[in-house]
Amino acid sequence: MLVAHGVVKAGVDLQEIKPEDVRVEDKRVIVRLPRAKITDVYLDEHKTRIVDRTTGLLRAFDKDLEQNARRQAVDDLRLAARYNGIYGDAEERARLQLANLFRQLGLQVEFAKDK
């Protein structure tokens, strides 16, 4: 049995913004942001631990069991993050950061809806 603690990171890749995704009207910028993506998923090795290594009478020893359990834990973390709104959170953070940047430049920003 593996108790897994992990980290999932997501963000918006601003390099994916194309010229047609940005319009400037006076002191107002209208931006269509790309969709957020998961950028990194990993286990926190300081908090992840094996709780039990016993095998049953009908189950032989599997030398890859721990590695497979860790791989499955990473996949489960990715899935849980998706279902718990990581994409929406990452897109909101991107909008807030860009709005702050444009505001410091003296511009208003509006974010266009997805195509």
C-alpha atoms as a PDB file:
ATOM      1  CA  MET A   1       0.000   0.000   0.000  1.00  0.00           C
ATOM      2  CA  LEU A   2       1.349   3.382  -1.058  1.00  0.00           C
ATOM      3  CA  VAL A   3       0.275   6.664   0.507  1.00  0.00           C
ATOM      4  CA  ALA A   4       1.024   9.246  -2.157  1.00  0.00           C
ATOM      5  CA  HIS A   5       1.303  13.006  -1.847  1.00  0.00           C
ATOM      6  CA  GLY A   6       1.961  14.916  -5.005  1.00  0.00           C
ATOM      7  CA  VAL A   7       2.025  18.188  -6.858  1.00  0.00           C
ATOM      8  CA  VAL A   8       0.176  19.068 -10.048  1.00  0.00           C
ATOM      9  CA  LYS A   9       0.997  22.302 -11.874  1.00  0.00           C
ATOM     10  CA  ALA A  10      -0.954  23.883 -14.694  1.00  0.00           C
ATOM     11  CA  GLY A  11      -0.651  27.064 -16.666  1.00  0.00           C
ATOM     12  CA  VAL A  12      -1.339  28.956 -19.835  1.00  0.00           C
ATOM     13  CA  ASP A  13       1.440  29.021 -22.427  1.00  0.00           C
ATOM     14  CA  LEU A  14       1.522  32.637 -23.600  1.00  0.00           C
ATOM     15  CA  GLN A  15       3.752  31.628 -26.524  1.00  0.00           C
ATOM     16  CA  GLU A  16       0.641  30.064 -28.054  1.00  0.00           C
ATOM     17  CA  ILE A  17      -1.019  33.472 -28.424  1.00  0.00           C
ATOM     18  CA  LYS A  18      -1.252  34.355 -32.118  1.00  0.00           C
ATOM     19  CA  PRO A  19      -1.520  37.880 -33.546  1.00  0.00           C
ATOM     20  CA  GLU A  20      -5.214  37.305 -34.309  1.00  0.00           C
ATOM     21  CA  ASP A  21      -5.772  36.559 -30.586  1.00  0.00           C
ATOM     22  CA  VAL A  22      -4.953  40.171 -29.615  1.00  0.00           C
ATOM     23  CA  ARG A  23      -6.844  43.335 -30.575  1.00  0.00           C
ATOM     24  CA  VAL A  24      -5.999  46.848 -29.439  1.00  0.00           C
ATOM     25  CA  GLU A  25      -8.698  49.532 -29.360  1.00  0.00           C
ATOM     26  CA  ASP A  26      -7.493  52.861 -27.959  1.00  0.00           C
ATOM     27  CA  LYS A  27      -6.305  52.031 -24.426  1.00  0.00           C
ATOM     28  CA  ARG A  28      -8.094  48.702 -24.315  1.00  0.00           C
ATOM     29  CA  VAL A  29      -6.567  45.336 -25.174  1.00  0.00           C
ATOM     30  CA  ILE A  30      -8.753  42.356 -25.996  1.00  0.00           C
ATOM     31  CA  VAL A  31      -6.961  39.031 -25.585  1.00  0.00           C
ATOM     32  CA  ARG A  32      -8.053  35.470 -26.336  1.00  0.00           C
ATOM     33  CA  LEU A  33      -5.978  33.215 -24.109  1.00  0.00           C
ATOM     34  CA  PRO A  34      -5.074  29.654 -25.048  1.00  0.00           C
ATOM     35  CA  ARG A  35      -6.465  26.891 -22.888  1.00  0.00           C
ATOM     36  CA  ALA A  36      -4.556  25.909 -19.761  1.00  0.00           C
ATOM     37  CA  LYS A  37      -2.526  22.717 -19.733  1.00  0.00           C
ATOM     38  CA  ILE A  38      -1.069  20.548 -17.024  1.00  0.00           C
ATOM     39  CA  THR A  39       2.647  21.278 -17.091  1.00  0.00           C
ATOM     40  CA  ASP A  40       3.996  19.041 -14.342  1.00  0.00           C
ATOM     41  CA  VAL A  41       2.890  16.191 -12.098  1.00  0.00           C
ATOM     42  CA  TYR A  42       5.135  14.551  -9.531  1.00  0.00           C
ATOM     43  CA  LEU A  43       5.118  12.821  -6.176  1.00  0.00           C
ATOM     44  CA  ASP A  44       6.399  14.628  -3.099  1.00  0.00           C
ATOM     45  CA  GLU A  45       9.015  12.081  -2.041  1.00  0.00           C
ATOM     46  CA  HIS A  46       9.203  13.508   1.504  1.00  0.00           C
ATOM     47  CA  LYS A  47       5.512  12.758   2.115  1.00  0.00           C
ATOM     48  CA  THR A  48       4.963   9.686  -0.087  1.00  0.00           C
ATOM     49  CA  ARG A  49       5.572   6.414   1.692  1.00  0.00           C
ATOM     50  CA  ILE A  50       4.965   2.704   1.563  1.00  0.00           C
ATOM     51  CA  VAL A  51       2.592   1.667   4.336  1.00  0.00           C
ATOM     52  CA  ASP A  52       2.468  -2.066   3.715  1.00  0.00           C
ATOM     53  CA  ARG A  53       4.522  -4.428   1.533  1.00  0.00           C
ATOM     54  CA  THR A  54       2.903  -7.729   2.380  1.00  0.00           C
ATOM     55  CA  THR A  55       1.823 -10.054  -0.389  1.00  0.00           C
ATOM     56  CA  GLY A  56      -0.938 -12.548  -0.023  1.00  0.00           C
ATOM     57  CA  LEU A  57      -0.759 -16.288  -0.300  1.00  0.00           C
ATOM     58  CA  LEU A  58      -2.044 -16.182  -3.873  1.00  0.00           C
ATOM     59  CA  ARG A  59       0.103 -13.271  -5.007  1.00  0.00           C
ATOM     60  CA  ALA A  60       3.772 -13.696  -5.829  1.00  0.00           C
ATOM     61  CA  PHE A  61       6.420 -11.068  -5.128  1.00  0.00           C
ATOM     62  CA  ASP A  62       6.510  -8.362  -7.820  1.00  0.00           C
ATOM     63  CA  LYS A  63       9.763  -6.416  -7.997  1.00  0.00           C
ATOM     64  CA  ASP A  64       8.065  -3.665 -10.065  1.00  0.00           C
ATOM     65  CA  LEU A  65       5.105  -3.257  -7.734  1.00  0.00           C
ATOM     66  CA  GLU A  66       6.322  -0.065  -6.033  1.00  0.00           C
ATOM     67  CA  GLN A  67       7.372   1.561  -9.310  1.00  0.00           C
ATOM     68  CA  ASN A  68       4.013   0.687 -10.877  1.00  0.00           C
ATOM     69  CA  ALA A  69       2.152   1.999  -7.829  1.00  0.00           C
ATOM     70  CA  ARG A  70       4.052   5.296  -8.048  1.00  0.00           C
ATOM     71  CA  ARG A  71       3.296   5.582 -11.771  1.00  0.00           C
ATOM     72  CA  GLN A  72      -0.387   4.913 -11.097  1.00  0.00           C
ATOM     73  CA  ALA A  73      -0.376   7.499  -8.290  1.00  0.00           C
ATOM     74  CA  VAL A  74       0.957  10.154 -10.690  1.00  0.00           C
ATOM     75  CA  ASP A  75      -1.755   9.261 -13.220  1.00  0.00           C
ATOM     76  CA  ASP A  76      -4.388   9.459 -10.472  1.00  0.00           C
ATOM     77  CA  LEU A  77      -3.074  12.865  -9.340  1.00  0.00           C
ATOM     78  CA  ARG A  78      -3.353  14.185 -12.900  1.00  0.00           C
ATOM     79  CA  LEU A  79      -6.913  12.889 -13.226  1.00  0.00           C
ATOM     80  CA  ALA A  80      -7.992  14.231  -9.821  1.00  0.00           C
ATOM     81  CA  ALA A  81      -6.570  17.668 -10.643  1.00  0.00           C
ATOM     82  CA  ARG A  82      -8.512  17.755 -13.911  1.00  0.00           C
ATOM     83  CA  TYR A  83     -11.774  16.837 -12.193  1.00  0.00           C
ATOM     84  CA  ASN A  84     -11.170  19.352  -9.402  1.00  0.00           C
ATOM     85  CA  GLY A  85     -10.860  22.349 -11.712  1.00  0.00           C
ATOM     86  CA  ILE A  86      -7.137  22.861 -12.201  1.00  0.00           C
ATOM     87  CA  TYR A  87      -7.649  24.182 -15.747  1.00  0.00           C
ATOM     88  CA  GLY A  88     -10.132  26.838 -14.651  1.00  0.00           C
ATOM     89  CA  ASP A  89      -7.880  27.873 -11.770  1.00  0.00           C
ATOM     90  CA  ALA A  90      -4.845  28.178 -14.059  1.00  0.00           C
ATOM     91  CA  GLU A  91      -6.795  30.235 -16.607  1.00  0.00           C
ATOM     92  CA  GLU A  92      -8.076  32.554 -13.889  1.00  0.00           C
ATOM     93  CA  ARG A  93      -4.539  33.075 -12.538  1.00  0.00           C
ATOM     94  CA  ALA A  94      -3.314  33.859 -16.065  1.00  0.00           C
ATOM     95  CA  ARG A  95      -6.099  36.422 -16.548  1.00  0.00           C
ATOM     96  CA  LEU A  96      -5.292  38.065 -13.199  1.00  0.00           C
ATOM     97  CA  GLN A  97      -1.558  38.247 -13.949  1.00  0.00           C
ATOM     98  CA  LEU A  98      -2.090  39.688 -17.432  1.00  0.00           C
ATOM     99  CA  ALA A  99      -4.708  42.158 -16.189  1.00  0.00           C
ATOM    100  CA  ASN A 100      -2.220  43.379 -13.586  1.00  0.00           C
ATOM    101  CA  LEU A 101       0.516  43.735 -16.222  1.00  0.00           C
ATOM    102  CA  PHE A 102      -1.698  45.675 -18.630  1.00  0.00           C
ATOM    103  CA  ARG A 103      -3.030  47.851 -15.791  1.00  0.00           C
ATOM    104  CA  GLN A 104       0.565  48.799 -14.884  1.00  0.00           C
ATOM    105  CA  LEU A 105       1.055  49.790 -18.529  1.00  0.00           C
ATOM    106  CA  GLY A 106      -1.999  52.059 -18.326  1.00  0.00           C
ATOM    107  CA  LEU A 107      -4.202  49.778 -20.428  1.00  0.00           C
ATOM    108  CA  GLN A 108      -7.528  48.115 -19.781  1.00  0.00           C
ATOM    109  CA  VAL A 109      -7.776  44.456 -20.674  1.00  0.00           C
ATOM    110  CA  GLU A 110     -10.693  42.312 -21.696  1.00  0.00           C
ATOM    111  CA  PHE A 111     -10.521  38.587 -22.223  1.00  0.00           C
ATOM    112  CA  ALA A 112     -12.421  37.197 -25.190  1.00  0.00           C
ATOM    113  CA  LYS A 113     -14.405  33.997 -24.841  1.00  0.00           C
ATOM    114  CA  ASP A 114     -13.156  30.798 -26.466  1.00  0.00           C
ATOM    115  CA  LYS A 115     -13.747  30.345 -30.157  1.00  0.00           C
END
